[in-house]
Amino acid sequence: MNRLKIVLIFIVIIGVVTGALYFISKSANKSKSAKLELINKRYDYSKGIIVQLRSYKGHSIEVRYQIRGKEYKYAGGWNSNPHNLREGDSINFRYALDRPEMVVTELDNGY
């Protein structure tokens, strides 16, 4: 009887954790799709400077750029780095004309 309770509790915990991870994954994909949809409506290309590029425990990038005289900072992830870009290098990106803070860099799959 006691073993059955422990097994059932374990199954419930596994189910809750799996469900939470699934929900987080779906939410992140939906957010990325909405961002790409917004950028694809009206966009332009520009260049920025890579301030930080990390590939330890995930891929993260920080880029500083200017649009119409205003400075922005983009922090996000990246998928691949075929040109072996490093900190201090310039990077191409696409941004939404209506919201210049919405950026897709050349290291993203959606570029």
PDB file of N, CA and C in Angstrom:
ATOM      1  N   MET A   1       0.829  -1.202   0.000  1.00  0.00           N
ATOM      2  CA  MET A   1       0.000   0.000   0.000  1.00  0.00           C
ATOM      3  C   MET A   1       0.868   1.257   0.000  1.00  0.00           C
ATOM      4  N   ASN A   2       1.888   1.252   0.870  1.00  0.00           N
ATOM      5  CA  ASN A   2       2.778   2.399   0.965  1.00  0.00           C
ATOM      6  C   ASN A   2       3.562   2.595  -0.331  1.00  0.00           C
ATOM      7  N   ARG A   3       4.007   1.470  -0.927  1.00  0.00           N
ATOM      8  CA  ARG A   3       4.749   1.539  -2.195  1.00  0.00           C
ATOM      9  C   ARG A   3       3.868   2.105  -3.308  1.00  0.00           C
ATOM     10  N   LEU A   4       2.617   1.720  -3.321  1.00  0.00           N
ATOM     11  CA  LEU A   4       1.689   2.192  -4.340  1.00  0.00           C
ATOM     12  C   LEU A   4       1.521   3.708  -4.257  1.00  0.00           C
ATOM     13  N   LYS A   5       1.403   4.244  -3.054  1.00  0.00           N
ATOM     14  CA  LYS A   5       1.293   5.689  -2.865  1.00  0.00           C
ATOM     15  C   LYS A   5       2.540   6.403  -3.376  1.00  0.00           C
ATOM     16  N   ILE A   6       3.703   5.867  -3.055  1.00  0.00           N
ATOM     17  CA  ILE A   6       4.964   6.475  -3.489  1.00  0.00           C
ATOM     18  C   ILE A   6       5.065   6.459  -5.012  1.00  0.00           C
ATOM     19  N   VAL A   7       4.709   5.345  -5.631  1.00  0.00           N
ATOM     20  CA  VAL A   7       4.760   5.237  -7.094  1.00  0.00           C
ATOM     21  C   VAL A   7       3.781   6.217  -7.735  1.00  0.00           C
ATOM     22  N   LEU A   8       2.584   6.313  -7.191  1.00  0.00           N
ATOM     23  CA  LEU A   8       1.590   7.249  -7.734  1.00  0.00           C
ATOM     24  C   LEU A   8       2.045   8.701  -7.579  1.00  0.00           C
ATOM     25  N   ILE A   9       2.602   9.038  -6.444  1.00  0.00           N
ATOM     26  CA  ILE A   9       3.110  10.393  -6.220  1.00  0.00           C
ATOM     27  C   ILE A   9       4.241  10.686  -7.204  1.00  0.00           C
ATOM     28  N   PHE A  10       5.125   9.720  -7.394  1.00  0.00           N
ATOM     29  CA  PHE A  10       6.231   9.885  -8.335  1.00  0.00           C
ATOM     30  C   PHE A  10       5.700  10.109  -9.759  1.00  0.00           C
ATOM     31  N   ILE A  11       4.708   9.346 -10.174  1.00  0.00           N
ATOM     32  CA  ILE A  11       4.119   9.493 -11.515  1.00  0.00           C
ATOM     33  C   ILE A  11       3.473  10.869 -11.659  1.00  0.00           C
ATOM     34  N   VAL A  12       2.774  11.336 -10.641  1.00  0.00           N
ATOM     35  CA  VAL A  12       2.144  12.660 -10.688  1.00  0.00           C
ATOM     36  C   VAL A  12       3.209  13.751 -10.804  1.00  0.00           C
ATOM     37  N   ILE A  13       4.287  13.639 -10.024  1.00  0.00           N
ATOM     38  CA  ILE A  13       5.357  14.643 -10.075  1.00  0.00           C
ATOM     39  C   ILE A  13       5.992  14.668 -11.465  1.00  0.00           C
ATOM     40  N   ILE A  14       6.270  13.495 -12.020  1.00  0.00           N
ATOM     41  CA  ILE A  14       6.844  13.414 -13.374  1.00  0.00           C
ATOM     42  C   ILE A  14       5.894  14.053 -14.386  1.00  0.00           C
ATOM     43  N   GLY A  15       4.608  13.796 -14.253  1.00  0.00           N
ATOM     44  CA  GLY A  15       3.619  14.372 -15.158  1.00  0.00           C
ATOM     45  C   GLY A  15       3.563  15.890 -15.074  1.00  0.00           C
ATOM     46  N   VAL A  16       3.613  16.423 -13.851  1.00  0.00           N
ATOM     47  CA  VAL A  16       3.565  17.871 -13.657  1.00  0.00           C
ATOM     48  C   VAL A  16       4.815  18.530 -14.247  1.00  0.00           C
ATOM     49  N   VAL A  17       5.980  17.957 -13.990  1.00  0.00           N
ATOM     50  CA  VAL A  17       7.229  18.510 -14.517  1.00  0.00           C
ATOM     51  C   VAL A  17       7.233  18.461 -16.047  1.00  0.00           C
ATOM     52  N   THR A  18       6.826  17.348 -16.621  1.00  0.00           N
ATOM     53  CA  THR A  18       6.763  17.214 -18.073  1.00  0.00           C
ATOM     54  C   THR A  18       5.789  18.223 -18.672  1.00  0.00           C
ATOM     55  N   GLY A  19       4.645  18.378 -18.066  1.00  0.00           N
ATOM     56  CA  GLY A  19       3.652  19.345 -18.538  1.00  0.00           C
ATOM     57  C   GLY A  19       4.174  20.778 -18.475  1.00  0.00           C
ATOM     58  N   ALA A  20       4.863  21.108 -17.405  1.00  0.00           N
ATOM     59  CA  ALA A  20       5.419  22.456 -17.266  1.00  0.00           C
ATOM     60  C   ALA A  20       6.482  22.722 -18.326  1.00  0.00           C
ATOM     61  N   LEU A  21       7.353  21.756 -18.565  1.00  0.00           N
ATOM     62  CA  LEU A  21       8.382  21.924 -19.602  1.00  0.00           C
ATOM     63  C   LEU A  21       7.751  22.063 -20.990  1.00  0.00           C
ATOM     64  N   TYR A  22       6.725  21.293 -21.262  1.00  0.00           N
ATOM     65  CA  TYR A  22       6.020  21.385 -22.538  1.00  0.00           C
ATOM     66  C   TYR A  22       5.393  22.765 -22.703  1.00  0.00           C
ATOM     67  N   PHE A  23       4.755  23.271 -21.665  1.00  0.00           N
ATOM     68  CA  PHE A  23       4.120  24.587 -21.712  1.00  0.00           C
ATOM     69  C   PHE A  23       5.154  25.688 -21.946  1.00  0.00           C
ATOM     70  N   ILE A  24       6.282  25.613 -21.259  1.00  0.00           N
ATOM     71  CA  ILE A  24       7.348  26.611 -21.431  1.00  0.00           C
ATOM     72  C   ILE A  24       7.880  26.575 -22.856  1.00  0.00           C
ATOM     73  N   SER A  25       8.082  25.398 -23.395  1.00  0.00           N
ATOM     74  CA  SER A  25       8.584  25.251 -24.760  1.00  0.00           C
ATOM     75  C   SER A  25       7.601  25.825 -25.778  1.00  0.00           C
ATOM     76  N   LYS A  26       6.341  25.511 -25.631  1.00  0.00           N
ATOM     77  CA  LYS A  26       5.311  26.030 -26.551  1.00  0.00           C
ATOM     78  C   LYS A  26       5.222  27.546 -26.461  1.00  0.00           C
ATOM     79  N   SER A  27       5.293  28.086 -25.256  1.00  0.00           N
ATOM     80  CA  SER A  27       5.213  29.527 -25.056  1.00  0.00           C
ATOM     81  C   SER A  27       6.400  30.228 -25.712  1.00  0.00           C
ATOM     82  N   ALA A  28       7.595  29.675 -25.567  1.00  0.00           N
ATOM     83  CA  ALA A  28       8.789  30.269 -26.181  1.00  0.00           C
ATOM     84  C   ALA A  28       8.699  30.230 -27.702  1.00  0.00           C
ATOM     85  N   ASN A  29       8.234  29.128 -28.258  1.00  0.00           N
ATOM     86  CA  ASN A  29       8.084  29.022 -29.714  1.00  0.00           C
ATOM     87  C   ASN A  29       7.050  30.004 -30.237  1.00  0.00           C
ATOM     88  N   LYS A  30       5.952  30.166 -29.502  1.00  0.00           N
ATOM     89  CA  LYS A  30       4.906  31.096 -29.907  1.00  0.00           C
ATOM     90  C   LYS A  30       5.425  32.531 -29.880  1.00  0.00           C
ATOM     91  N   SER A  31       6.200  32.861 -28.858  1.00  0.00           N
ATOM     92  CA  SER A  31       6.778  34.195 -28.722  1.00  0.00           C
ATOM     93  C   SER A  31       7.746  34.484 -29.873  1.00  0.00           C
ATOM     94  N   LYS A  32       8.587  33.513 -30.203  1.00  0.00           N
ATOM     95  CA  LYS A  32       9.545  33.693 -31.299  1.00  0.00           C
ATOM     96  C   LYS A  32       8.815  33.836 -32.627  1.00  0.00           C
ATOM     97  N   SER A  33       7.759  33.071 -32.833  1.00  0.00           N
ATOM     98  CA  SER A  33       6.980  33.168 -34.064  1.00  0.00           C
ATOM     99  C   SER A  33       6.309  34.534 -34.191  1.00  0.00           C
ATOM    100  N   ALA A  34       5.774  35.045 -33.084  1.00  0.00           N
ATOM    101  CA  ALA A  34       5.135  36.366 -33.101  1.00  0.00           C
ATOM    102  C   ALA A  34       6.159  37.452 -33.407  1.00  0.00           C
ATOM    103  N   LYS A  35       7.352  37.322 -32.854  1.00  0.00           N
ATOM    104  CA  LYS A  35       8.429  38.294 -33.112  1.00  0.00           C
ATOM    105  C   LYS A  35       8.807  38.282 -34.592  1.00  0.00           C
ATOM    106  N   LEU A  36       9.004  37.087 -35.153  1.00  0.00           N
ATOM    107  CA  LEU A  36       9.360  36.987 -36.572  1.00  0.00           C
ATOM    108  C   LEU A  36       8.248  37.520 -37.467  1.00  0.00           C
ATOM    109  N   GLU A  37       7.015  37.265 -37.101  1.00  0.00           N
ATOM    110  CA  GLU A  37       5.873  37.755 -37.882  1.00  0.00           C
ATOM    111  C   GLU A  37       5.860  39.282 -37.899  1.00  0.00           C
ATOM    112  N   LEU A  38       6.099  39.898 -36.755  1.00  0.00           N
ATOM    113  CA  LEU A  38       6.148  41.356 -36.665  1.00  0.00           C
ATOM    114  C   LEU A  38       7.297  41.915 -37.505  1.00  0.00           C
ATOM    115  N   ILE A  39       8.465  41.310 -37.408  1.00  0.00           N
ATOM    116  CA  ILE A  39       9.615  41.782 -38.183  1.00  0.00           C
ATOM    117  C   ILE A  39       9.371  41.603 -39.673  1.00  0.00           C
ATOM    118  N   ASN A  40       8.773  40.504 -40.070  1.00  0.00           N
ATOM    119  CA  ASN A  40       8.557  40.228 -41.490  1.00  0.00           C
ATOM    120  C   ASN A  40       7.538  41.152 -42.150  1.00  0.00           C
ATOM    121  N   LYS A  41       6.689  41.806 -41.371  1.00  0.00           N
ATOM    122  CA  LYS A  41       5.698  42.728 -41.947  1.00  0.00           C
ATOM    123  C   LYS A  41       6.377  43.917 -42.614  1.00  0.00           C
ATOM    124  N   ARG A  42       7.221  44.609 -41.882  1.00  0.00           N
ATOM    125  CA  ARG A  42       7.965  45.768 -42.394  1.00  0.00           C
ATOM    126  C   ARG A  42       9.331  45.756 -41.737  1.00  0.00           C
ATOM    127  N   TYR A  43      10.367  45.544 -42.519  1.00  0.00           N
ATOM    128  CA  TYR A  43      11.698  45.429 -41.930  1.00  0.00           C
ATOM    129  C   TYR A  43      12.748  46.138 -42.774  1.00  0.00           C
ATOM    130  N   ASP A  44      13.896  46.311 -42.149  1.00  0.00           N
ATOM    131  CA  ASP A  44      15.069  46.841 -42.832  1.00  0.00           C
ATOM    132  C   ASP A  44      16.282  46.123 -42.245  1.00  0.00           C
ATOM    133  N   TYR A  45      17.412  46.290 -42.909  1.00  0.00           N
ATOM    134  CA  TYR A  45      18.652  45.668 -42.459  1.00  0.00           C
ATOM    135  C   TYR A  45      19.580  46.731 -41.889  1.00  0.00           C
ATOM    136  N   SER A  46      20.414  46.321 -40.956  1.00  0.00           N
ATOM    137  CA  SER A  46      21.409  47.220 -40.391  1.00  0.00           C
ATOM    138  C   SER A  46      22.557  46.384 -39.827  1.00  0.00           C
ATOM    139  N   LYS A  47      23.525  47.072 -39.212  1.00  0.00           N
ATOM    140  CA  LYS A  47      24.653  46.394 -38.580  1.00  0.00           C
ATOM    141  C   LYS A  47      24.812  46.895 -37.163  1.00  0.00           C
ATOM    142  N   GLY A  48      25.324  46.038 -36.319  1.00  0.00           N
ATOM    143  CA  GLY A  48      25.624  46.395 -34.942  1.00  0.00           C
ATOM    144  C   GLY A  48      26.964  45.802 -34.550  1.00  0.00           C
ATOM    145  N   ILE A  49      27.346  46.025 -33.305  1.00  0.00           N
ATOM    146  CA  ILE A  49      28.599  45.507 -32.768  1.00  0.00           C
ATOM    147  C   ILE A  49      28.284  44.453 -31.712  1.00  0.00           C
ATOM    148  N   ILE A  50      28.954  43.317 -31.801  1.00  0.00           N
ATOM    149  CA  ILE A  50      28.782  42.266 -30.803  1.00  0.00           C
ATOM    150  C   ILE A  50      29.527  42.684 -29.542  1.00  0.00           C
ATOM    151  N   VAL A  51      28.780  42.883 -28.466  1.00  0.00           N
ATOM    152  CA  VAL A  51      29.358  43.272 -27.192  1.00  0.00           C
ATOM    153  C   VAL A  51      29.727  42.032 -26.380  1.00  0.00           C
ATOM    154  N   GLN A  52      28.912  40.990 -26.507  1.00  0.00           N
ATOM    155  CA  GLN A  52      29.149  39.765 -25.761  1.00  0.00           C
ATOM    156  C   GLN A  52      28.637  38.579 -26.569  1.00  0.00           C
ATOM    157  N   LEU A  53      29.430  37.528 -26.628  1.00  0.00           N
ATOM    158  CA  LEU A  53      29.049  36.310 -27.347  1.00  0.00           C
ATOM    159  C   LEU A  53      29.507  35.123 -26.509  1.00  0.00           C
ATOM    160  N   ARG A  54      28.549  34.315 -26.090  1.00  0.00           N
ATOM    161  CA  ARG A  54      28.872  33.167 -25.237  1.00  0.00           C
ATOM    162  C   ARG A  54      28.294  31.892 -25.833  1.00  0.00           C
ATOM    163  N   SER A  55      29.042  30.825 -25.676  1.00  0.00           N
ATOM    164  CA  SER A  55      28.547  29.525 -26.138  1.00  0.00           C
ATOM    165  C   SER A  55      28.651  28.468 -25.051  1.00  0.00           C
ATOM    166  N   TYR A  56      28.891  28.896 -23.820  1.00  0.00           N
ATOM    167  CA  TYR A  56      28.976  27.960 -22.704  1.00  0.00           C
ATOM    168  C   TYR A  56      27.598  27.845 -22.059  1.00  0.00           C
ATOM    169  N   LYS A  57      27.116  26.627 -21.906  1.00  0.00           N
ATOM    170  CA  LYS A  57      25.786  26.370 -21.343  1.00  0.00           C
ATOM    171  C   LYS A  57      24.700  27.137 -22.091  1.00  0.00           C
ATOM    172  N   GLY A  58      24.687  27.003 -23.397  1.00  0.00           N
ATOM    173  CA  GLY A  58      23.724  27.695 -24.248  1.00  0.00           C
ATOM    174  C   GLY A  58      24.427  28.749 -25.076  1.00  0.00           C
ATOM    175  N   HIS A  59      23.713  29.333 -25.992  1.00  0.00           N
ATOM    176  CA  HIS A  59      24.266  30.355 -26.867  1.00  0.00           C
ATOM    177  C   HIS A  59      23.588  31.686 -26.582  1.00  0.00           C
ATOM    178  N   SER A  60      24.357  32.674 -26.149  1.00  0.00           N
ATOM    179  CA  SER A  60      23.794  33.999 -25.907  1.00  0.00           C
ATOM    180  C   SER A  60      24.643  35.056 -26.603  1.00  0.00           C
ATOM    181  N   ILE A  61      23.976  36.136 -26.980  1.00  0.00           N
ATOM    182  CA  ILE A  61      24.643  37.224 -27.677  1.00  0.00           C
ATOM    183  C   ILE A  61      24.068  38.549 -27.199  1.00  0.00           C
ATOM    184  N   GLU A  62      24.920  39.555 -27.153  1.00  0.00           N
ATOM    185  CA  GLU A  62      24.482  40.917 -26.852  1.00  0.00           C
ATOM    186  C   GLU A  62      25.045  41.811 -27.948  1.00  0.00           C
ATOM    187  N   VAL A  63      24.160  42.601 -28.569  1.00  0.00           N
ATOM    188  CA  VAL A  63      24.537  43.464 -29.690  1.00  0.00           C
ATOM    189  C   VAL A  63      24.084  44.886 -29.398  1.00  0.00           C
ATOM    190  N   ARG A  64      24.953  45.847 -29.669  1.00  0.00           N
ATOM    191  CA  ARG A  64      24.582  47.269 -29.576  1.00  0.00           C
ATOM    192  C   ARG A  64      24.488  47.809 -30.988  1.00  0.00           C
ATOM    193  N   TYR A  65      23.449  48.647 -31.210  1.00  0.00           N
ATOM    194  CA  TYR A  65      23.241  49.198 -32.548  1.00  0.00           C
ATOM    195  C   TYR A  65      22.481  50.509 -32.448  1.00  0.00           C
ATOM    196  N   GLN A  66      22.499  51.276 -33.533  1.00  0.00           N
ATOM    197  CA  GLN A  66      21.778  52.545 -33.595  1.00  0.00           C
ATOM    198  C   GLN A  66      20.823  52.524 -34.773  1.00  0.00           C
ATOM    199  N   ILE A  67      19.624  53.003 -34.527  1.00  0.00           N
ATOM    200  CA  ILE A  67      18.614  53.182 -35.568  1.00  0.00           C
ATOM    201  C   ILE A  67      18.092  54.599 -35.433  1.00  0.00           C
ATOM    202  N   ARG A  68      18.173  55.361 -36.503  1.00  0.00           N
ATOM    203  CA  ARG A  68      17.718  56.760 -36.532  1.00  0.00           C
ATOM    204  C   ARG A  68      18.249  57.560 -35.336  1.00  0.00           C
ATOM    205  N   GLY A  69      19.529  57.397 -35.035  1.00  0.00           N
ATOM    206  CA  GLY A  69      20.175  58.177 -33.989  1.00  0.00           C
ATOM    207  C   GLY A  69      19.933  57.699 -32.572  1.00  0.00           C
ATOM    208  N   LYS A  70      19.111  56.690 -32.382  1.00  0.00           N
ATOM    209  CA  LYS A  70      18.846  56.172 -31.047  1.00  0.00           C
ATOM    210  C   LYS A  70      19.588  54.850 -30.859  1.00  0.00           C
ATOM    211  N   GLU A  71      20.235  54.693 -29.683  1.00  0.00           N
ATOM    212  CA  GLU A  71      20.998  53.476 -29.421  1.00  0.00           C
ATOM    213  C   GLU A  71      20.113  52.412 -28.779  1.00  0.00           C
ATOM    214  N   TYR A  72      20.322  51.172 -29.228  1.00  0.00           N
ATOM    215  CA  TYR A  72      19.575  50.027 -28.711  1.00  0.00           C
ATOM    216  C   TYR A  72      20.560  48.939 -28.305  1.00  0.00           C
ATOM    217  N   LYS A  73      20.060  48.017 -27.482  1.00  0.00           N
ATOM    218  CA  LYS A  73      20.845  46.849 -27.101  1.00  0.00           C
ATOM    219  C   LYS A  73      19.942  45.634 -27.242  1.00  0.00           C
ATOM    220  N   TYR A  74      20.424  44.653 -27.964  1.00  0.00           N
ATOM    221  CA  TYR A  74      19.694  43.399 -28.146  1.00  0.00           C
ATOM    222  C   TYR A  74      20.406  42.300 -27.374  1.00  0.00           C
ATOM    223  N   ALA A  75      19.670  41.551 -26.592  1.00  0.00           N
ATOM    224  CA  ALA A  75      20.206  40.388 -25.887  1.00  0.00           C
ATOM    225  C   ALA A  75      19.324  39.202 -26.234  1.00  0.00           C
ATOM    226  N   GLY A  76      19.936  38.160 -26.732  1.00  0.00           N
ATOM    227  CA  GLY A  76      19.166  36.995 -27.122  1.00  0.00           C
ATOM    228  C   GLY A  76      20.059  35.796 -27.329  1.00  0.00           C
ATOM    229  N   GLY A  77      19.547  34.855 -28.078  1.00  0.00           N
ATOM    230  CA  GLY A  77      20.296  33.637 -28.356  1.00  0.00           C
ATOM    231  C   GLY A  77      20.749  33.592 -29.799  1.00  0.00           C
ATOM    232  N   TRP A  78      21.477  32.545 -30.118  1.00  0.00           N
ATOM    233  CA  TRP A  78      21.882  32.328 -31.499  1.00  0.00           C
ATOM    234  C   TRP A  78      21.934  30.842 -31.772  1.00  0.00           C
ATOM    235  N   ASN A  79      21.803  30.490 -33.068  1.00  0.00           N
ATOM    236  CA  ASN A  79      21.735  29.090 -33.448  1.00  0.00           C
ATOM    237  C   ASN A  79      23.051  28.548 -34.006  1.00  0.00           C
ATOM    238  N   SER A  80      23.657  29.282 -34.928  1.00  0.00           N
ATOM    239  CA  SER A  80      24.922  28.841 -35.513  1.00  0.00           C
ATOM    240  C   SER A  80      25.783  30.057 -35.826  1.00  0.00           C
ATOM    241  N   ASN A  81      27.085  29.840 -35.934  1.00  0.00           N
ATOM    242  CA  ASN A  81      28.036  30.928 -36.164  1.00  0.00           C
ATOM    243  C   ASN A  81      28.975  30.537 -37.304  1.00  0.00           C
ATOM    244  N   PRO A  82      28.460  30.500 -38.548  1.00  0.00           N
ATOM    245  CA  PRO A  82      29.272  30.008 -39.674  1.00  0.00           C
ATOM    246  C   PRO A  82      30.461  30.908 -40.021  1.00  0.00           C
ATOM    247  N   HIS A  83      30.401  32.179 -39.672  1.00  0.00           N
ATOM    248  CA  HIS A  83      31.500  33.101 -39.988  1.00  0.00           C
ATOM    249  C   HIS A  83      32.443  33.294 -38.810  1.00  0.00           C
ATOM    250  N   ASN A  84      32.261  32.493 -37.761  1.00  0.00           N
ATOM    251  CA  ASN A  84      33.100  32.547 -36.568  1.00  0.00           C
ATOM    252  C   ASN A  84      33.207  33.968 -36.005  1.00  0.00           C
ATOM    253  N   LEU A  85      32.064  34.639 -35.860  1.00  0.00           N
ATOM    254  CA  LEU A  85      32.041  35.994 -35.305  1.00  0.00           C
ATOM    255  C   LEU A  85      32.419  35.964 -33.831  1.00  0.00           C
ATOM    256  N   ARG A  86      33.058  37.057 -33.382  1.00  0.00           N
ATOM    257  CA  ARG A  86      33.503  37.167 -31.993  1.00  0.00           C
ATOM    258  C   ARG A  86      33.122  38.531 -31.437  1.00  0.00           C
ATOM    259  N   GLU A  87      33.343  38.715 -30.147  1.00  0.00           N
ATOM    260  CA  GLU A  87      33.088  40.011 -29.521  1.00  0.00           C
ATOM    261  C   GLU A  87      33.907  41.083 -30.233  1.00  0.00           C
ATOM    262  N   GLY A  88      33.263  42.230 -30.488  1.00  0.00           N
ATOM    263  CA  GLY A  88      33.912  43.334 -31.178  1.00  0.00           C
ATOM    264  C   GLY A  88      33.674  43.339 -32.679  1.00  0.00           C
ATOM    265  N   ASP A  89      33.226  42.225 -33.236  1.00  0.00           N
ATOM    266  CA  ASP A  89      32.923  42.153 -34.665  1.00  0.00           C
ATOM    267  C   ASP A  89      31.581  42.814 -34.952  1.00  0.00           C
ATOM    268  N   SER A  90      31.409  43.267 -36.190  1.00  0.00           N
ATOM    269  CA  SER A  90      30.101  43.784 -36.584  1.00  0.00           C
ATOM    270  C   SER A  90      29.240  42.618 -37.044  1.00  0.00           C
ATOM    271  N   ILE A  91      27.936  42.783 -36.884  1.00  0.00           N
ATOM    272  CA  ILE A  91      26.994  41.721 -37.218  1.00  0.00           C
ATOM    273  C   ILE A  91      25.808  42.328 -37.948  1.00  0.00           C
ATOM    274  N   ASN A  92      25.334  41.636 -38.969  1.00  0.00           N
ATOM    275  CA  ASN A  92      24.146  42.054 -39.705  1.00  0.00           C
ATOM    276  C   ASN A  92      22.902  41.592 -38.959  1.00  0.00           C
ATOM    277  N   PHE A  93      21.853  42.388 -39.061  1.00  0.00           N
ATOM    278  CA  PHE A  93      20.584  41.988 -38.471  1.00  0.00           C
ATOM    279  C   PHE A  93      19.435  42.624 -39.243  1.00  0.00           C
ATOM    280  N   ARG A  94      18.275  42.076 -39.023  1.00  0.00           N
ATOM    281  CA  ARG A  94      17.035  42.581 -39.598  1.00  0.00           C
ATOM    282  C   ARG A  94      16.179  43.058 -38.435  1.00  0.00           C
ATOM    283  N   TYR A  95      15.530  44.211 -38.595  1.00  0.00           N
ATOM    284  CA  TYR A  95      14.723  44.747 -37.496  1.00  0.00           C
ATOM    285  C   TYR A  95      13.377  45.232 -38.018  1.00  0.00           C
ATOM    286  N   ALA A  96      12.407  45.286 -37.115  1.00  0.00           N
ATOM    287  CA  ALA A  96      11.065  45.765 -37.460  1.00  0.00           C
ATOM    288  C   ALA A  96      11.089  47.286 -37.540  1.00  0.00           C
ATOM    289  N   LEU A  97      10.614  47.831 -38.646  1.00  0.00           N
ATOM    290  CA  LEU A  97      10.604  49.286 -38.811  1.00  0.00           C
ATOM    291  C   LEU A  97       9.752  49.971 -37.747  1.00  0.00           C
ATOM    292  N   ASP A  98       8.657  49.346 -37.355  1.00  0.00           N
ATOM    293  CA  ASP A  98       7.771  49.933 -36.360  1.00  0.00           C
ATOM    294  C   ASP A  98       8.300  49.783 -34.932  1.00  0.00           C
ATOM    295  N   ARG A  99       9.135  48.771 -34.710  1.00  0.00           N
ATOM    296  CA  ARG A  99       9.702  48.524 -33.373  1.00  0.00           C
ATOM    297  C   ARG A  99      11.155  48.091 -33.522  1.00  0.00           C
ATOM    298  N   PRO A 100      12.086  49.053 -33.614  1.00  0.00           N
ATOM    299  CA  PRO A 100      13.493  48.726 -33.863  1.00  0.00           C
ATOM    300  C   PRO A 100      14.154  47.865 -32.787  1.00  0.00           C
ATOM    301  N   GLU A 101      13.526  47.696 -31.655  1.00  0.00           N
ATOM    302  CA  GLU A 101      14.092  46.827 -30.627  1.00  0.00           C
ATOM    303  C   GLU A 101      13.871  45.343 -30.951  1.00  0.00           C
ATOM    304  N   MET A 102      13.013  45.074 -31.939  1.00  0.00           N
ATOM    305  CA  MET A 102      12.740  43.697 -32.379  1.00  0.00           C
ATOM    306  C   MET A 102      13.739  43.342 -33.472  1.00  0.00           C
ATOM    307  N   VAL A 103      14.675  42.432 -33.152  1.00  0.00           N
ATOM    308  CA  VAL A 103      15.811  42.155 -34.014  1.00  0.00           C
ATOM    309  C   VAL A 103      15.963  40.642 -34.239  1.00  0.00           C
ATOM    310  N   VAL A 104      16.407  40.299 -35.454  1.00  0.00           N
ATOM    311  CA  VAL A 104      16.838  38.947 -35.773  1.00  0.00           C
ATOM    312  C   VAL A 104      18.235  39.061 -36.368  1.00  0.00           C
ATOM    313  N   THR A 105      19.232  38.494 -35.691  1.00  0.00           N
ATOM    314  CA  THR A 105      20.605  38.611 -36.171  1.00  0.00           C
ATOM    315  C   THR A 105      20.901  37.543 -37.220  1.00  0.00           C
ATOM    316  N   GLU A 106      22.023  37.710 -37.907  1.00  0.00           N
ATOM    317  CA  GLU A 106      22.425  36.733 -38.917  1.00  0.00           C
ATOM    318  C   GLU A 106      22.763  35.373 -38.322  1.00  0.00           C
ATOM    319  N   LEU A 107      22.895  35.292 -37.007  1.00  0.00           N
ATOM    320  CA  LEU A 107      23.176  34.012 -36.358  1.00  0.00           C
ATOM    321  C   LEU A 107      21.910  33.240 -36.008  1.00  0.00           C
ATOM    322  N   ASP A 108      20.738  33.853 -36.186  1.00  0.00           N
ATOM    323  CA  ASP A 108      19.458  33.206 -35.906  1.00  0.00           C
ATOM    324  C   ASP A 108      18.968  32.440 -37.129  1.00  0.00           C
ATOM    325  N   ASN A 109      18.193  31.370 -36.887  1.00  0.00           N
ATOM    326  CA  ASN A 109      17.613  30.618 -37.989  1.00  0.00           C
ATOM    327  C   ASN A 109      16.630  31.441 -38.804  1.00  0.00           C
ATOM    328  N   GLY A 110      15.911  32.377 -38.194  1.00  0.00           N
ATOM    329  CA  GLY A 110      14.886  33.172 -38.886  1.00  0.00           C
ATOM    330  C   GLY A 110      15.409  34.329 -39.699  1.00  0.00           C
ATOM    331  N   TYR A 111      16.728  34.513 -39.760  1.00  0.00           N
ATOM    332  CA  TYR A 111      17.302  35.647 -40.463  1.00  0.00           C
ATOM    333  C   TYR A 111      17.023  35.513 -41.943  1.00  0.00           C
TER     334      TYR A 111
END
